[in-house]
Amino acid sequence: MMFGLEWQSWLPLWMFSPVLAALAWTDFSRMRIPNIFSLAGIAIFLLSPLYLDMNDALLRLVAGSICFAICFALFAIGWLGGGDAKILPVVFLMIPPSVLSTYLFVLAAAMALGLVVMAIVRRTLHQPLSGYDSVVQKREFPLGIAIGSSGLLLAAVTFVGAVF
């Protein structure tokens, strides 16, 4: 048991892990998060009644809905990108509700680390890396890197805990 939960609670996050890796990479390289990533997560969640109990699935849906409302408001005022506003609620669907605070803490740490690293990279590179839009940008931060890496870290820790 990881975080006091059975392995089935982590199955959506483990299944979504390749998408998390892809979204971190595409946001770094192109500053875009394709809609197919959100659709893949929704498809995984739609299968969740097969392996999650209904209370867990409903709590995830409530958490994802609240996250969507907040992200929509942040997108509307220009504080969050469209891809970030769509993918973060989907990530909330993948994570057990009792562990969302842990995920948010890891996400905040990944954002802080990412901001520092991107600032250093942008200032020290005299010639920007061609093909990597996030390095060329001066003001925007590719939040998908933090969303993906924090989800991958949580998935890895829980998977190792389940195996060993």
N, C-alpha and C. Protein backbone atom coordinates (compact mmCIF):
# COMPACT_ATOMS: atom_id res chain seq x y z
N MET A 1 0.84 -1.19 0.00
CA MET A 1 0.00 0.00 0.00
C MET A 1 0.88 1.25 0.00
N MET A 2 0.58 2.17 -0.89
CA MET A 2 1.31 3.42 -0.99
C MET A 2 0.39 4.56 -0.56
N PHE A 3 0.86 5.35 0.39
CA PHE A 3 0.06 6.44 0.94
C PHE A 3 -1.25 5.89 1.52
N GLY A 4 -1.22 4.65 1.99
CA GLY A 4 -2.41 4.04 2.56
C GLY A 4 -3.45 3.61 1.54
N LEU A 5 -3.07 3.53 0.27
CA LEU A 5 -4.01 3.19 -0.79
C LEU A 5 -3.59 1.90 -1.49
N GLU A 6 -4.56 1.17 -2.00
CA GLU A 6 -4.28 -0.04 -2.77
C GLU A 6 -3.73 0.34 -4.15
N TRP A 7 -3.09 -0.62 -4.79
CA TRP A 7 -2.43 -0.34 -6.08
C TRP A 7 -3.42 0.09 -7.15
N GLN A 8 -4.68 -0.36 -7.08
CA GLN A 8 -5.66 0.01 -8.10
C GLN A 8 -5.90 1.52 -8.14
N SER A 9 -5.73 2.17 -7.00
CA SER A 9 -5.93 3.62 -6.94
C SER A 9 -4.90 4.37 -7.78
N TRP A 10 -3.75 3.74 -7.99
CA TRP A 10 -2.67 4.38 -8.73
C TRP A 10 -2.67 4.01 -10.20
N LEU A 11 -3.48 3.03 -10.59
CA LEU A 11 -3.46 2.54 -11.96
C LEU A 11 -3.69 3.64 -13.01
N PRO A 12 -4.65 4.55 -12.83
CA PRO A 12 -4.82 5.61 -13.84
C PRO A 12 -3.55 6.45 -14.02
N LEU A 13 -2.88 6.80 -12.93
CA LEU A 13 -1.66 7.60 -13.03
C LEU A 13 -0.56 6.83 -13.73
N TRP A 14 -0.42 5.56 -13.42
CA TRP A 14 0.60 4.74 -14.08
C TRP A 14 0.31 4.62 -15.57
N MET A 15 -0.97 4.44 -15.93
CA MET A 15 -1.34 4.33 -17.34
C MET A 15 -1.13 5.65 -18.08
N PHE A 16 -1.26 6.75 -17.38
CA PHE A 16 -1.14 8.08 -17.97
C PHE A 16 0.32 8.56 -18.03
N SER A 17 1.23 7.83 -17.41
CA SER A 17 2.63 8.27 -17.34
C SER A 17 3.30 8.53 -18.69
N PRO A 18 3.11 7.69 -19.71
CA PRO A 18 3.71 8.03 -21.01
C PRO A 18 3.20 9.37 -21.56
N VAL A 19 1.95 9.67 -21.31
CA VAL A 19 1.39 10.96 -21.75
C VAL A 19 2.03 12.10 -20.98
N LEU A 20 2.26 11.91 -19.68
CA LEU A 20 2.93 12.94 -18.87
C LEU A 20 4.32 13.24 -19.42
N ALA A 21 5.05 12.19 -19.79
CA ALA A 21 6.39 12.40 -20.36
C ALA A 21 6.29 13.14 -21.69
N ALA A 22 5.35 12.75 -22.52
CA ALA A 22 5.19 13.40 -23.83
C ALA A 22 4.76 14.86 -23.68
N LEU A 23 3.88 15.15 -22.72
CA LEU A 23 3.44 16.54 -22.57
C LEU A 23 4.56 17.42 -22.05
N ALA A 24 5.40 16.89 -21.16
CA ALA A 24 6.54 17.68 -20.68
C ALA A 24 7.47 18.00 -21.84
N TRP A 25 7.72 17.02 -22.69
CA TRP A 25 8.63 17.22 -23.82
C TRP A 25 8.05 18.20 -24.84
N THR A 26 6.78 18.02 -25.22
CA THR A 26 6.21 18.91 -26.24
C THR A 26 6.07 20.34 -25.72
N ASP A 27 5.78 20.50 -24.44
CA ASP A 27 5.70 21.86 -23.91
C ASP A 27 7.08 22.51 -23.87
N PHE A 28 8.11 21.71 -23.59
CA PHE A 28 9.47 22.24 -23.61
C PHE A 28 9.89 22.59 -25.03
N SER A 29 9.64 21.70 -25.96
CA SER A 29 10.16 21.91 -27.31
C SER A 29 9.31 22.86 -28.15
N ARG A 30 7.98 22.84 -27.96
CA ARG A 30 7.12 23.64 -28.82
C ARG A 30 6.22 24.63 -28.09
N MET A 31 6.26 24.62 -26.75
CA MET A 31 5.36 25.47 -25.95
C MET A 31 3.90 25.21 -26.30
N ARG A 32 3.59 23.95 -26.56
CA ARG A 32 2.23 23.53 -26.90
C ARG A 32 1.94 22.21 -26.19
N ILE A 33 0.70 22.04 -25.77
CA ILE A 33 0.23 20.77 -25.23
C ILE A 33 -0.94 20.34 -26.12
N PRO A 34 -0.72 19.33 -26.96
CA PRO A 34 -1.77 18.91 -27.89
C PRO A 34 -3.02 18.39 -27.16
N ASN A 35 -4.18 18.63 -27.76
CA ASN A 35 -5.45 18.19 -27.17
C ASN A 35 -5.53 16.68 -27.03
N ILE A 36 -4.80 15.95 -27.86
CA ILE A 36 -4.85 14.48 -27.80
C ILE A 36 -4.40 13.97 -26.44
N PHE A 37 -3.52 14.71 -25.77
CA PHE A 37 -3.07 14.29 -24.44
C PHE A 37 -4.22 14.35 -23.43
N SER A 38 -5.01 15.41 -23.49
CA SER A 38 -6.17 15.52 -22.60
C SER A 38 -7.20 14.44 -22.93
N LEU A 39 -7.40 14.20 -24.21
CA LEU A 39 -8.36 13.17 -24.61
C LEU A 39 -7.92 11.78 -24.16
N ALA A 40 -6.62 11.52 -24.21
CA ALA A 40 -6.10 10.22 -23.73
C ALA A 40 -6.38 10.06 -22.24
N GLY A 41 -6.18 11.11 -21.47
CA GLY A 41 -6.46 11.05 -20.04
C GLY A 41 -7.93 10.83 -19.75
N ILE A 42 -8.78 11.50 -20.50
CA ILE A 42 -10.23 11.31 -20.31
C ILE A 42 -10.62 9.87 -20.65
N ALA A 43 -10.02 9.32 -21.69
CA ALA A 43 -10.30 7.92 -22.05
C ALA A 43 -9.87 6.97 -20.93
N ILE A 44 -8.72 7.22 -20.35
CA ILE A 44 -8.26 6.40 -19.21
C ILE A 44 -9.24 6.52 -18.05
N PHE A 45 -9.68 7.74 -17.79
CA PHE A 45 -10.62 7.94 -16.68
C PHE A 45 -11.96 7.26 -16.94
N LEU A 46 -12.41 7.26 -18.18
CA LEU A 46 -13.69 6.62 -18.50
C LEU A 46 -13.64 5.11 -18.25
N LEU A 47 -12.45 4.54 -18.29
CA LEU A 47 -12.29 3.12 -17.98
C LEU A 47 -12.18 2.85 -16.48
N SER A 48 -12.05 3.89 -15.69
CA SER A 48 -11.78 3.72 -14.26
C SER A 48 -12.86 2.97 -13.48
N PRO A 49 -14.14 3.01 -13.85
CA PRO A 49 -15.09 2.19 -13.08
C PRO A 49 -14.78 0.69 -13.12
N LEU A 50 -13.95 0.27 -14.06
CA LEU A 50 -13.57 -1.14 -14.13
C LEU A 50 -12.63 -1.54 -13.01
N TYR A 51 -11.87 -0.58 -12.47
CA TYR A 51 -10.87 -0.94 -11.46
C TYR A 51 -10.88 -0.04 -10.22
N LEU A 52 -11.64 1.03 -10.22
CA LEU A 52 -11.76 1.90 -9.03
C LEU A 52 -13.15 1.73 -8.44
N ASP A 53 -13.27 1.94 -7.14
CA ASP A 53 -14.62 1.94 -6.60
C ASP A 53 -15.29 3.26 -6.96
N MET A 54 -16.61 3.24 -6.97
CA MET A 54 -17.37 4.39 -7.48
C MET A 54 -17.12 5.66 -6.66
N ASN A 55 -16.95 5.54 -5.35
CA ASN A 55 -16.67 6.73 -4.53
C ASN A 55 -15.37 7.40 -4.94
N ASP A 56 -14.34 6.60 -5.18
CA ASP A 56 -13.05 7.15 -5.61
C ASP A 56 -13.18 7.85 -6.96
N ALA A 57 -13.88 7.20 -7.89
CA ALA A 57 -14.07 7.80 -9.22
C ALA A 57 -14.85 9.11 -9.13
N LEU A 58 -15.88 9.14 -8.30
CA LEU A 58 -16.68 10.37 -8.16
C LEU A 58 -15.89 11.49 -7.50
N LEU A 59 -15.09 11.15 -6.49
CA LEU A 59 -14.25 12.17 -5.85
C LEU A 59 -13.23 12.74 -6.83
N ARG A 60 -12.68 11.88 -7.67
CA ARG A 60 -11.74 12.36 -8.70
C ARG A 60 -12.45 13.30 -9.67
N LEU A 61 -13.68 12.94 -10.03
CA LEU A 61 -14.45 13.78 -10.94
C LEU A 61 -14.74 15.14 -10.32
N VAL A 62 -15.08 15.16 -9.04
CA VAL A 62 -15.33 16.44 -8.35
C VAL A 62 -14.05 17.27 -8.30
N ALA A 63 -12.93 16.63 -7.93
CA ALA A 63 -11.64 17.35 -7.87
C ALA A 63 -11.25 17.89 -9.24
N GLY A 64 -11.41 17.07 -10.27
CA GLY A 64 -11.10 17.52 -11.63
C GLY A 64 -11.99 18.66 -12.08
N SER A 65 -13.27 18.62 -11.70
CA SER A 65 -14.21 19.69 -12.07
C SER A 65 -13.86 21.00 -11.38
N ILE A 66 -13.52 20.92 -10.11
CA ILE A 66 -13.11 22.14 -9.39
C ILE A 66 -11.83 22.70 -10.00
N CYS A 67 -10.89 21.82 -10.29
CA CYS A 67 -9.64 22.26 -10.92
C CYS A 67 -9.92 22.90 -12.28
N PHE A 68 -10.84 22.31 -13.05
CA PHE A 68 -11.18 22.87 -14.35
C PHE A 68 -11.76 24.28 -14.21
N ALA A 69 -12.64 24.48 -13.24
CA ALA A 69 -13.24 25.81 -13.03
C ALA A 69 -12.17 26.84 -12.69
N ILE A 70 -11.24 26.46 -11.82
CA ILE A 70 -10.15 27.37 -11.44
C ILE A 70 -9.24 27.64 -12.63
N CYS A 71 -8.88 26.59 -13.35
CA CYS A 71 -8.00 26.76 -14.52
C CYS A 71 -8.67 27.59 -15.60
N PHE A 72 -9.97 27.40 -15.80
CA PHE A 72 -10.69 28.19 -16.79
C PHE A 72 -10.65 29.67 -16.42
N ALA A 73 -10.85 29.97 -15.15
CA ALA A 73 -10.80 31.37 -14.70
C ALA A 73 -9.40 31.95 -14.90
N LEU A 74 -8.37 31.17 -14.57
CA LEU A 74 -6.99 31.65 -14.75
C LEU A 74 -6.66 31.83 -16.23
N PHE A 75 -7.19 30.96 -17.08
CA PHE A 75 -7.00 31.12 -18.52
C PHE A 75 -7.72 32.37 -19.02
N ALA A 76 -8.93 32.61 -18.52
CA ALA A 76 -9.72 33.76 -18.96
C ALA A 76 -9.04 35.08 -18.66
N ILE A 77 -8.28 35.14 -17.56
CA ILE A 77 -7.59 36.40 -17.23
C ILE A 77 -6.15 36.41 -17.74
N GLY A 78 -5.77 35.36 -18.46
CA GLY A 78 -4.45 35.35 -19.10
C GLY A 78 -3.30 34.89 -18.22
N TRP A 79 -3.59 34.23 -17.12
CA TRP A 79 -2.53 33.77 -16.23
C TRP A 79 -2.11 32.34 -16.49
N LEU A 80 -2.83 31.63 -17.35
CA LEU A 80 -2.56 30.23 -17.62
C LEU A 80 -2.81 29.96 -19.09
N GLY A 81 -1.95 29.16 -19.70
CA GLY A 81 -2.13 28.80 -21.10
C GLY A 81 -3.28 27.83 -21.29
N GLY A 82 -3.78 27.77 -22.51
CA GLY A 82 -4.92 26.90 -22.81
C GLY A 82 -4.62 25.43 -22.60
N GLY A 83 -3.45 24.98 -23.05
CA GLY A 83 -3.08 23.58 -22.87
C GLY A 83 -2.93 23.21 -21.41
N ASP A 84 -2.33 24.11 -20.64
CA ASP A 84 -2.17 23.88 -19.20
C ASP A 84 -3.54 23.81 -18.52
N ALA A 85 -4.45 24.69 -18.94
CA ALA A 85 -5.79 24.74 -18.34
C ALA A 85 -6.59 23.49 -18.67
N LYS A 86 -6.27 22.83 -19.78
CA LYS A 86 -6.98 21.60 -20.14
C LYS A 86 -6.35 20.36 -19.52
N ILE A 87 -5.02 20.33 -19.43
CA ILE A 87 -4.36 19.10 -18.98
C ILE A 87 -4.36 18.95 -17.46
N LEU A 88 -4.26 20.04 -16.72
CA LEU A 88 -4.18 19.93 -15.26
C LEU A 88 -5.43 19.27 -14.65
N PRO A 89 -6.65 19.63 -15.07
CA PRO A 89 -7.81 18.90 -14.53
C PRO A 89 -7.79 17.41 -14.88
N VAL A 90 -7.26 17.08 -16.05
CA VAL A 90 -7.16 15.68 -16.43
C VAL A 90 -6.17 14.95 -15.52
N VAL A 91 -5.08 15.61 -15.17
CA VAL A 91 -4.12 15.02 -14.24
C VAL A 91 -4.79 14.79 -12.89
N PHE A 92 -5.65 15.70 -12.47
CA PHE A 92 -6.38 15.53 -11.21
C PHE A 92 -7.26 14.27 -11.24
N LEU A 93 -7.76 13.91 -12.42
CA LEU A 93 -8.55 12.68 -12.55
C LEU A 93 -7.71 11.43 -12.32
N MET A 94 -6.42 11.53 -12.56
CA MET A 94 -5.52 10.38 -12.46
C MET A 94 -5.02 10.11 -11.04
N ILE A 95 -5.09 11.10 -10.19
CA ILE A 95 -4.47 11.03 -8.86
C ILE A 95 -5.54 10.79 -7.79
N PRO A 96 -5.28 9.86 -6.86
CA PRO A 96 -6.25 9.64 -5.77
C PRO A 96 -6.50 10.95 -5.01
N PRO A 97 -7.75 11.25 -4.73
CA PRO A 97 -8.08 12.53 -4.07
C PRO A 97 -7.34 12.77 -2.76
N SER A 98 -7.07 11.73 -2.01
CA SER A 98 -6.39 11.92 -0.73
C SER A 98 -4.93 12.31 -0.88
N VAL A 99 -4.41 12.24 -2.10
CA VAL A 99 -3.00 12.53 -2.35
C VAL A 99 -2.83 13.81 -3.18
N LEU A 100 -3.92 14.48 -3.50
CA LEU A 100 -3.83 15.69 -4.33
C LEU A 100 -2.98 16.77 -3.68
N SER A 101 -3.04 16.89 -2.36
CA SER A 101 -2.22 17.91 -1.70
C SER A 101 -0.73 17.59 -1.88
N THR A 102 -0.37 16.32 -1.85
CA THR A 102 1.02 15.94 -2.10
C THR A 102 1.41 16.29 -3.52
N TYR A 103 0.52 15.98 -4.48
CA TYR A 103 0.81 16.33 -5.87
C TYR A 103 0.98 17.83 -6.03
N LEU A 104 0.12 18.61 -5.43
CA LEU A 104 0.22 20.07 -5.55
C LEU A 104 1.52 20.60 -4.95
N PHE A 105 1.96 20.00 -3.87
CA PHE A 105 3.24 20.39 -3.28
C PHE A 105 4.39 20.07 -4.23
N VAL A 106 4.39 18.87 -4.80
CA VAL A 106 5.44 18.48 -5.75
C VAL A 106 5.36 19.36 -7.00
N LEU A 107 4.15 19.67 -7.45
CA LEU A 107 3.98 20.56 -8.61
C LEU A 107 4.56 21.94 -8.32
N ALA A 108 4.28 22.48 -7.15
CA ALA A 108 4.83 23.80 -6.79
C ALA A 108 6.35 23.78 -6.75
N ALA A 109 6.92 22.71 -6.20
CA ALA A 109 8.38 22.58 -6.17
C ALA A 109 8.94 22.47 -7.59
N ALA A 110 8.27 21.70 -8.45
CA ALA A 110 8.72 21.57 -9.84
C ALA A 110 8.61 22.89 -10.58
N MET A 111 7.58 23.66 -10.30
CA MET A 111 7.43 24.98 -10.93
C MET A 111 8.56 25.91 -10.49
N ALA A 112 8.85 25.93 -9.20
CA ALA A 112 9.92 26.80 -8.70
C ALA A 112 11.26 26.40 -9.29
N LEU A 113 11.55 25.11 -9.28
CA LEU A 113 12.81 24.63 -9.86
C LEU A 113 12.86 24.93 -11.35
N GLY A 114 11.75 24.70 -12.03
CA GLY A 114 11.69 24.97 -13.47
C GLY A 114 11.91 26.43 -13.81
N LEU A 115 11.32 27.32 -13.03
CA LEU A 115 11.52 28.75 -13.26
C LEU A 115 12.98 29.15 -13.10
N VAL A 116 13.63 28.62 -12.07
CA VAL A 116 15.04 28.93 -11.85
C VAL A 116 15.90 28.38 -12.98
N VAL A 117 15.67 27.12 -13.35
CA VAL A 117 16.47 26.50 -14.42
C VAL A 117 16.25 27.23 -15.74
N MET A 118 15.00 27.54 -16.07
CA MET A 118 14.73 28.24 -17.34
C MET A 118 15.37 29.62 -17.35
N ALA A 119 15.34 30.32 -16.23
CA ALA A 119 15.97 31.64 -16.17
C ALA A 119 17.48 31.53 -16.39
N ILE A 120 18.09 30.54 -15.77
CA ILE A 120 19.54 30.35 -15.94
C ILE A 120 19.86 29.98 -17.38
N VAL A 121 19.11 29.05 -17.94
CA VAL A 121 19.36 28.62 -19.33
C VAL A 121 19.17 29.77 -20.29
N ARG A 122 18.11 30.54 -20.12
CA ARG A 122 17.84 31.65 -21.03
C ARG A 122 18.90 32.75 -20.94
N ARG A 123 19.47 32.93 -19.77
CA ARG A 123 20.48 33.99 -19.61
C ARG A 123 21.87 33.55 -20.01
N THR A 124 22.18 32.28 -19.86
CA THR A 124 23.55 31.83 -20.13
C THR A 124 23.76 31.40 -21.57
N LEU A 125 22.71 31.03 -22.26
CA LEU A 125 22.88 30.64 -23.66
C LEU A 125 22.98 31.89 -24.53
N HIS A 126 24.10 32.02 -25.19
CA HIS A 126 24.27 33.18 -26.07
C HIS A 126 23.54 32.97 -27.38
N GLN A 127 23.44 31.74 -27.77
CA GLN A 127 22.72 31.41 -28.99
C GLN A 127 21.63 30.41 -28.60
N PRO A 128 20.36 30.82 -28.66
CA PRO A 128 19.29 29.93 -28.23
C PRO A 128 19.31 28.60 -28.98
N LEU A 129 18.87 27.56 -28.29
CA LEU A 129 18.77 26.25 -28.91
C LEU A 129 17.66 26.29 -29.94
N SER A 130 18.03 26.14 -31.20
CA SER A 130 17.00 26.16 -32.23
C SER A 130 16.14 24.92 -32.09
N GLY A 131 14.87 25.08 -32.30
CA GLY A 131 13.94 23.97 -32.18
C GLY A 131 13.32 23.83 -30.80
N TYR A 132 13.74 24.63 -29.84
CA TYR A 132 13.18 24.56 -28.49
C TYR A 132 12.56 25.91 -28.15
N ASP A 133 11.28 26.01 -28.41
CA ASP A 133 10.58 27.29 -28.26
C ASP A 133 10.62 27.83 -26.83
N SER A 134 10.63 26.95 -25.85
CA SER A 134 10.60 27.41 -24.46
C SER A 134 11.88 28.13 -24.07
N VAL A 135 12.99 27.80 -24.71
CA VAL A 135 14.26 28.46 -24.40
C VAL A 135 14.31 29.83 -25.05
N VAL A 136 13.70 29.96 -26.22
CA VAL A 136 13.71 31.23 -26.95
C VAL A 136 12.79 32.25 -26.28
N GLN A 137 11.68 31.78 -25.69
CA GLN A 137 10.73 32.68 -25.02
C GLN A 137 11.42 33.42 -23.88
N LYS A 138 11.03 34.64 -23.67
CA LYS A 138 11.61 35.41 -22.57
C LYS A 138 10.66 35.55 -21.38
N ARG A 139 9.36 35.49 -21.63
CA ARG A 139 8.41 35.75 -20.55
C ARG A 139 7.62 34.53 -20.12
N GLU A 140 7.36 33.63 -21.01
CA GLU A 140 6.47 32.52 -20.70
C GLU A 140 7.24 31.33 -20.14
N PHE A 141 6.58 30.60 -19.25
CA PHE A 141 7.16 29.40 -18.66
C PHE A 141 6.35 28.19 -19.11
N PRO A 142 7.01 27.16 -19.63
CA PRO A 142 6.28 25.96 -20.06
C PRO A 142 5.83 25.13 -18.85
N LEU A 143 4.65 25.42 -18.36
CA LEU A 143 4.14 24.76 -17.16
C LEU A 143 3.97 23.25 -17.35
N GLY A 144 3.82 22.82 -18.59
CA GLY A 144 3.68 21.39 -18.87
C GLY A 144 4.87 20.58 -18.38
N ILE A 145 6.04 21.19 -18.35
CA ILE A 145 7.22 20.49 -17.82
C ILE A 145 7.00 20.17 -16.35
N ALA A 146 6.53 21.13 -15.58
CA ALA A 146 6.28 20.92 -14.15
C ALA A 146 5.11 19.96 -13.93
N ILE A 147 4.05 20.10 -14.71
CA ILE A 147 2.89 19.22 -14.57
C ILE A 147 3.31 17.78 -14.85
N GLY A 148 4.02 17.59 -15.96
CA GLY A 148 4.43 16.24 -16.34
C GLY A 148 5.45 15.63 -15.39
N SER A 149 6.47 16.41 -15.04
CA SER A 149 7.53 15.85 -14.18
C SER A 149 7.03 15.54 -12.78
N SER A 150 6.14 16.38 -12.24
CA SER A 150 5.62 16.10 -10.90
C SER A 150 4.71 14.87 -10.92
N GLY A 151 3.93 14.72 -11.97
CA GLY A 151 3.11 13.51 -12.11
C GLY A 151 3.96 12.27 -12.28
N LEU A 152 5.02 12.38 -13.08
CA LEU A 152 5.93 11.24 -13.26
C LEU A 152 6.64 10.87 -11.97
N LEU A 153 7.04 11.87 -11.20
CA LEU A 153 7.69 11.58 -9.92
C LEU A 153 6.75 10.84 -8.98
N LEU A 154 5.51 11.30 -8.89
CA LEU A 154 4.53 10.63 -8.04
C LEU A 154 4.26 9.21 -8.55
N ALA A 155 4.16 9.05 -9.86
CA ALA A 155 3.93 7.72 -10.43
C ALA A 155 5.10 6.79 -10.14
N ALA A 156 6.32 7.29 -10.28
CA ALA A 156 7.50 6.45 -10.03
C ALA A 156 7.59 6.03 -8.57
N VAL A 157 7.37 6.96 -7.67
CA VAL A 157 7.46 6.65 -6.24
C VAL A 157 6.41 5.61 -5.86
N THR A 158 5.19 5.78 -6.35
CA THR A 158 4.14 4.83 -5.99
C THR A 158 4.33 3.49 -6.67
N PHE A 159 4.86 3.48 -7.89
CA PHE A 159 5.10 2.21 -8.58
C PHE A 159 6.19 1.42 -7.87
N VAL A 160 7.26 2.09 -7.50
CA VAL A 160 8.33 1.42 -6.76
C VAL A 160 7.79 0.90 -5.43
N GLY A 161 6.95 1.69 -4.77
CA GLY A 161 6.35 1.25 -3.52
C GLY A 161 5.44 0.05 -3.70
N ALA A 162 4.79 -0.05 -4.85
CA ALA A 162 3.90 -1.19 -5.11
C ALA A 162 4.69 -2.45 -5.42
N VAL A 163 5.82 -2.30 -6.10
CA VAL A 163 6.61 -3.46 -6.50
C VAL A 163 7.44 -3.99 -5.34
N PHE A 164 8.00 -3.09 -4.55
CA PHE A 164 8.89 -3.54 -3.47
C PHE A 164 8.20 -3.45 -2.18
